[in-house]
Amino acid sequence: IGRGSPTFGQWAGVHLSGENGRQLFIPEGFAHGFCVLSDTAFVLYKCTDFYAPDAEGGILWSDPDLGIDWPVTDPLIASKDRQFPCLGDVPSERLPLYEDKA
């Protein structure tokens, strides 16, 4: 979601499970979400800093412009996550700035 990123507004999906043993690194400034497909799941994550609720933001999980192909038809969504705006409605100054470090 970085301003100026060549992949701005694109999404990718990865299936993680105990069976396949995959892990996923999400760099700072990347939007992310998850969907649990089993009856139980352990979601473990690390952060680069202490949790700061005032700095938290988000994008609506069902943003039609993103067109994320969620693998469920009737998801349970936390009330705070239902309140997030679509990406196109987020003021650009609230989005991270993409810097090509190549």
N, C-alpha and C. Protein backbone atom coordinates (compact mmCIF):
# COMPACT_ATOMS: atom_id res chain seq x y z
N ILE A 1 0.81 -1.20 0.00
CA ILE A 1 0.00 0.00 0.00
C ILE A 1 0.85 1.26 0.00
N GLY A 2 2.14 1.11 -0.27
CA GLY A 2 3.02 2.27 -0.28
C GLY A 2 2.73 3.20 -1.46
N ARG A 3 2.66 4.49 -1.19
CA ARG A 3 2.46 5.47 -2.26
C ARG A 3 3.62 5.36 -3.24
N GLY A 4 3.30 5.20 -4.51
CA GLY A 4 4.32 5.09 -5.54
C GLY A 4 4.82 3.68 -5.78
N SER A 5 4.33 2.70 -5.06
CA SER A 5 4.77 1.32 -5.23
C SER A 5 4.28 0.76 -6.56
N PRO A 6 5.12 0.01 -7.28
CA PRO A 6 4.67 -0.60 -8.53
C PRO A 6 3.59 -1.67 -8.32
N THR A 7 3.42 -2.13 -7.09
CA THR A 7 2.39 -3.14 -6.79
C THR A 7 1.25 -2.55 -5.97
N PHE A 8 1.10 -1.23 -5.98
CA PHE A 8 0.06 -0.56 -5.20
C PHE A 8 -1.32 -1.13 -5.55
N GLY A 9 -2.07 -1.52 -4.52
CA GLY A 9 -3.42 -2.03 -4.71
C GLY A 9 -3.51 -3.48 -5.14
N GLN A 10 -2.38 -4.17 -5.25
CA GLN A 10 -2.39 -5.59 -5.60
C GLN A 10 -2.36 -6.42 -4.32
N TRP A 11 -2.80 -7.67 -4.42
CA TRP A 11 -2.77 -8.55 -3.27
C TRP A 11 -2.20 -9.91 -3.67
N ALA A 12 -1.76 -10.65 -2.66
CA ALA A 12 -1.26 -12.01 -2.85
C ALA A 12 -1.78 -12.85 -1.69
N GLY A 13 -2.06 -14.10 -1.94
CA GLY A 13 -2.53 -15.00 -0.90
C GLY A 13 -1.58 -16.17 -0.73
N VAL A 14 -1.41 -16.61 0.50
CA VAL A 14 -0.52 -17.74 0.82
C VAL A 14 -1.26 -18.63 1.81
N HIS A 15 -1.25 -19.94 1.56
CA HIS A 15 -1.87 -20.89 2.48
C HIS A 15 -0.81 -21.36 3.48
N LEU A 16 -1.04 -21.08 4.75
CA LEU A 16 -0.14 -21.50 5.82
C LEU A 16 -0.86 -22.56 6.65
N SER A 17 -0.13 -23.60 7.04
CA SER A 17 -0.73 -24.64 7.87
C SER A 17 0.36 -25.36 8.67
N GLY A 18 -0.07 -26.08 9.67
CA GLY A 18 0.86 -26.91 10.41
C GLY A 18 1.46 -27.99 9.54
N GLU A 19 0.67 -28.44 8.56
CA GLU A 19 1.14 -29.50 7.68
C GLU A 19 2.22 -29.01 6.71
N ASN A 20 2.04 -27.82 6.14
CA ASN A 20 3.04 -27.38 5.16
C ASN A 20 4.19 -26.61 5.82
N GLY A 21 4.04 -26.21 7.08
CA GLY A 21 5.13 -25.59 7.82
C GLY A 21 5.60 -24.24 7.31
N ARG A 22 4.85 -23.64 6.43
CA ARG A 22 5.26 -22.34 5.88
C ARG A 22 5.08 -21.23 6.91
N GLN A 23 5.91 -20.22 6.76
CA GLN A 23 5.80 -19.00 7.55
C GLN A 23 5.79 -17.84 6.57
N LEU A 24 5.35 -16.68 7.01
CA LEU A 24 5.27 -15.53 6.12
C LEU A 24 5.84 -14.30 6.82
N PHE A 25 6.78 -13.63 6.15
CA PHE A 25 7.32 -12.37 6.65
C PHE A 25 6.58 -11.24 5.97
N ILE A 26 6.01 -10.35 6.76
CA ILE A 26 5.29 -9.19 6.22
C ILE A 26 6.10 -7.95 6.58
N PRO A 27 6.70 -7.30 5.59
CA PRO A 27 7.52 -6.12 5.89
C PRO A 27 6.70 -4.98 6.46
N GLU A 28 7.37 -4.10 7.19
CA GLU A 28 6.73 -2.91 7.74
C GLU A 28 6.12 -2.10 6.60
N GLY A 29 4.90 -1.62 6.81
CA GLY A 29 4.23 -0.81 5.80
C GLY A 29 3.38 -1.60 4.83
N PHE A 30 3.35 -2.92 4.96
CA PHE A 30 2.51 -3.76 4.10
C PHE A 30 1.19 -4.01 4.81
N ALA A 31 0.09 -3.90 4.09
CA ALA A 31 -1.20 -4.28 4.65
C ALA A 31 -1.25 -5.80 4.71
N HIS A 32 -1.97 -6.34 5.65
CA HIS A 32 -2.07 -7.79 5.77
C HIS A 32 -3.36 -8.16 6.48
N GLY A 33 -3.83 -9.33 6.18
CA GLY A 33 -5.01 -9.87 6.83
C GLY A 33 -4.91 -11.38 6.80
N PHE A 34 -5.75 -12.04 7.55
CA PHE A 34 -5.72 -13.50 7.52
C PHE A 34 -7.12 -14.05 7.68
N CYS A 35 -7.26 -15.29 7.26
CA CYS A 35 -8.53 -16.00 7.31
C CYS A 35 -8.25 -17.41 7.81
N VAL A 36 -8.89 -17.80 8.90
CA VAL A 36 -8.71 -19.14 9.46
C VAL A 36 -9.71 -20.08 8.80
N LEU A 37 -9.21 -21.18 8.25
CA LEU A 37 -10.06 -22.13 7.52
C LEU A 37 -10.38 -23.38 8.34
N SER A 38 -9.81 -23.50 9.53
CA SER A 38 -10.04 -24.68 10.36
C SER A 38 -10.82 -24.28 11.61
N ASP A 39 -11.20 -25.27 12.40
CA ASP A 39 -11.94 -24.99 13.64
C ASP A 39 -11.06 -24.30 14.67
N THR A 40 -9.77 -24.60 14.66
CA THR A 40 -8.82 -23.98 15.60
C THR A 40 -7.58 -23.54 14.83
N ALA A 41 -6.92 -22.54 15.36
CA ALA A 41 -5.68 -22.07 14.74
C ALA A 41 -4.86 -21.30 15.77
N PHE A 42 -3.56 -21.33 15.60
CA PHE A 42 -2.66 -20.50 16.39
C PHE A 42 -2.04 -19.50 15.42
N VAL A 43 -2.24 -18.22 15.70
CA VAL A 43 -1.65 -17.17 14.88
C VAL A 43 -0.62 -16.48 15.76
N LEU A 44 0.64 -16.63 15.40
CA LEU A 44 1.74 -16.04 16.16
C LEU A 44 2.42 -15.00 15.28
N TYR A 45 2.73 -13.85 15.86
CA TYR A 45 3.40 -12.83 15.08
C TYR A 45 4.33 -12.01 15.95
N LYS A 46 5.31 -11.41 15.29
CA LYS A 46 6.25 -10.51 15.95
C LYS A 46 6.11 -9.14 15.31
N CYS A 47 6.42 -8.12 16.07
CA CYS A 47 6.34 -6.74 15.58
C CYS A 47 7.70 -6.07 15.71
N THR A 48 7.86 -4.97 14.98
CA THR A 48 9.12 -4.23 15.04
C THR A 48 9.15 -3.25 16.21
N ASP A 49 8.03 -3.06 16.89
CA ASP A 49 7.97 -2.11 18.00
C ASP A 49 6.82 -2.51 18.93
N PHE A 50 6.66 -1.79 20.01
CA PHE A 50 5.56 -2.05 20.93
C PHE A 50 4.23 -1.71 20.27
N TYR A 51 3.18 -2.41 20.67
CA TYR A 51 1.85 -2.17 20.14
C TYR A 51 1.40 -0.75 20.49
N ALA A 52 0.94 -0.01 19.49
CA ALA A 52 0.48 1.36 19.68
C ALA A 52 -0.91 1.49 19.07
N PRO A 53 -1.96 1.29 19.86
CA PRO A 53 -3.32 1.31 19.31
C PRO A 53 -3.67 2.62 18.60
N ASP A 54 -3.10 3.73 19.03
CA ASP A 54 -3.39 5.02 18.39
C ASP A 54 -2.83 5.10 16.97
N ALA A 55 -1.84 4.29 16.68
CA ALA A 55 -1.22 4.29 15.34
C ALA A 55 -1.84 3.24 14.43
N GLU A 56 -2.78 2.46 14.96
CA GLU A 56 -3.38 1.38 14.18
C GLU A 56 -4.31 1.92 13.10
N GLY A 57 -4.31 1.26 11.98
CA GLY A 57 -5.21 1.62 10.89
C GLY A 57 -5.56 0.37 10.12
N GLY A 58 -6.29 0.52 9.06
CA GLY A 58 -6.64 -0.65 8.28
C GLY A 58 -7.38 -0.28 7.01
N ILE A 59 -7.62 -1.30 6.23
CA ILE A 59 -8.34 -1.19 4.97
C ILE A 59 -9.49 -2.19 5.03
N LEU A 60 -10.63 -1.81 4.51
CA LEU A 60 -11.79 -2.69 4.53
C LEU A 60 -11.47 -4.02 3.85
N TRP A 61 -11.72 -5.10 4.55
CA TRP A 61 -11.38 -6.44 4.06
C TRP A 61 -12.06 -6.76 2.73
N SER A 62 -13.23 -6.18 2.50
CA SER A 62 -14.00 -6.50 1.29
C SER A 62 -13.94 -5.38 0.25
N ASP A 63 -12.89 -4.57 0.28
CA ASP A 63 -12.73 -3.46 -0.67
C ASP A 63 -12.88 -3.99 -2.09
N PRO A 64 -13.92 -3.58 -2.83
CA PRO A 64 -14.14 -4.12 -4.17
C PRO A 64 -13.02 -3.77 -5.16
N ASP A 65 -12.33 -2.65 -4.93
CA ASP A 65 -11.22 -2.29 -5.83
C ASP A 65 -10.03 -3.23 -5.67
N LEU A 66 -9.86 -3.80 -4.48
CA LEU A 66 -8.78 -4.76 -4.27
C LEU A 66 -9.17 -6.14 -4.80
N GLY A 67 -10.44 -6.50 -4.67
CA GLY A 67 -10.92 -7.77 -5.21
C GLY A 67 -10.25 -8.99 -4.60
N ILE A 68 -10.00 -8.96 -3.30
CA ILE A 68 -9.35 -10.10 -2.65
C ILE A 68 -10.26 -11.32 -2.72
N ASP A 69 -9.71 -12.42 -3.14
CA ASP A 69 -10.46 -13.68 -3.29
C ASP A 69 -10.37 -14.47 -1.98
N TRP A 70 -11.12 -14.02 -0.97
CA TRP A 70 -11.12 -14.71 0.31
C TRP A 70 -11.73 -16.11 0.13
N PRO A 71 -11.16 -17.13 0.77
CA PRO A 71 -11.64 -18.51 0.58
C PRO A 71 -12.83 -18.89 1.46
N VAL A 72 -13.66 -17.92 1.84
CA VAL A 72 -14.85 -18.18 2.64
C VAL A 72 -16.00 -17.34 2.08
N THR A 73 -17.23 -17.78 2.36
CA THR A 73 -18.38 -17.04 1.85
C THR A 73 -19.09 -16.21 2.92
N ASP A 74 -18.98 -16.62 4.19
CA ASP A 74 -19.68 -15.92 5.27
C ASP A 74 -18.72 -15.73 6.45
N PRO A 75 -17.74 -14.82 6.31
CA PRO A 75 -16.72 -14.69 7.36
C PRO A 75 -17.23 -13.99 8.61
N LEU A 76 -16.60 -14.28 9.73
CA LEU A 76 -16.84 -13.55 10.98
C LEU A 76 -15.79 -12.44 11.02
N ILE A 77 -16.24 -11.20 11.02
CA ILE A 77 -15.34 -10.05 10.97
C ILE A 77 -15.48 -9.25 12.25
N ALA A 78 -14.37 -8.92 12.88
CA ALA A 78 -14.40 -8.10 14.10
C ALA A 78 -15.04 -6.75 13.78
N SER A 79 -15.77 -6.20 14.74
CA SER A 79 -16.48 -4.95 14.50
C SER A 79 -15.54 -3.82 14.09
N LYS A 80 -14.35 -3.74 14.69
CA LYS A 80 -13.42 -2.67 14.31
C LYS A 80 -12.95 -2.84 12.87
N ASP A 81 -12.84 -4.07 12.40
CA ASP A 81 -12.39 -4.31 11.03
C ASP A 81 -13.48 -4.00 10.01
N ARG A 82 -14.74 -4.04 10.42
CA ARG A 82 -15.83 -3.68 9.51
C ARG A 82 -15.92 -2.17 9.31
N GLN A 83 -15.25 -1.40 10.15
CA GLN A 83 -15.32 0.06 10.10
C GLN A 83 -14.22 0.69 9.24
N PHE A 84 -13.23 -0.09 8.82
CA PHE A 84 -12.12 0.48 8.06
C PHE A 84 -12.59 0.97 6.69
N PRO A 85 -11.93 1.98 6.13
CA PRO A 85 -12.30 2.49 4.80
C PRO A 85 -11.71 1.64 3.68
N CYS A 86 -12.22 1.82 2.49
CA CYS A 86 -11.59 1.24 1.31
C CYS A 86 -10.26 1.95 1.08
N LEU A 87 -9.34 1.29 0.41
CA LEU A 87 -8.01 1.86 0.17
C LEU A 87 -8.10 3.21 -0.53
N GLY A 88 -8.98 3.35 -1.50
CA GLY A 88 -9.12 4.60 -2.23
C GLY A 88 -9.62 5.76 -1.38
N ASP A 89 -10.17 5.46 -0.21
CA ASP A 89 -10.68 6.50 0.68
C ASP A 89 -9.69 6.88 1.79
N VAL A 90 -8.55 6.21 1.83
CA VAL A 90 -7.53 6.53 2.83
C VAL A 90 -6.73 7.73 2.34
N PRO A 91 -6.63 8.80 3.13
CA PRO A 91 -5.82 9.95 2.69
C PRO A 91 -4.37 9.51 2.41
N SER A 92 -3.80 10.00 1.32
CA SER A 92 -2.48 9.54 0.90
C SER A 92 -1.42 9.77 1.98
N GLU A 93 -1.57 10.81 2.78
CA GLU A 93 -0.56 11.06 3.83
C GLU A 93 -0.60 10.00 4.93
N ARG A 94 -1.66 9.20 4.98
CA ARG A 94 -1.75 8.11 5.97
C ARG A 94 -1.10 6.83 5.46
N LEU A 95 -0.77 6.78 4.16
CA LEU A 95 -0.15 5.60 3.58
C LEU A 95 1.37 5.74 3.62
N PRO A 96 2.09 4.62 3.79
CA PRO A 96 3.55 4.71 3.79
C PRO A 96 4.06 5.11 2.40
N LEU A 97 5.22 5.73 2.37
CA LEU A 97 5.84 6.14 1.12
C LEU A 97 6.75 5.03 0.63
N TYR A 98 6.54 4.56 -0.59
CA TYR A 98 7.39 3.53 -1.19
C TYR A 98 8.71 4.15 -1.62
N GLU A 99 9.80 3.49 -1.26
CA GLU A 99 11.12 3.92 -1.69
C GLU A 99 11.82 2.75 -2.34
N ASP A 100 12.22 2.90 -3.59
CA ASP A 100 12.94 1.85 -4.31
C ASP A 100 14.38 1.85 -3.82
N LYS A 101 14.76 0.80 -3.10
CA LYS A 101 16.10 0.74 -2.50
C LYS A 101 17.08 -0.04 -3.36
N ALA A 102 16.70 -0.30 -4.61
CA ALA A 102 17.58 -1.06 -5.50
C ALA A 102 18.70 -0.21 -6.04
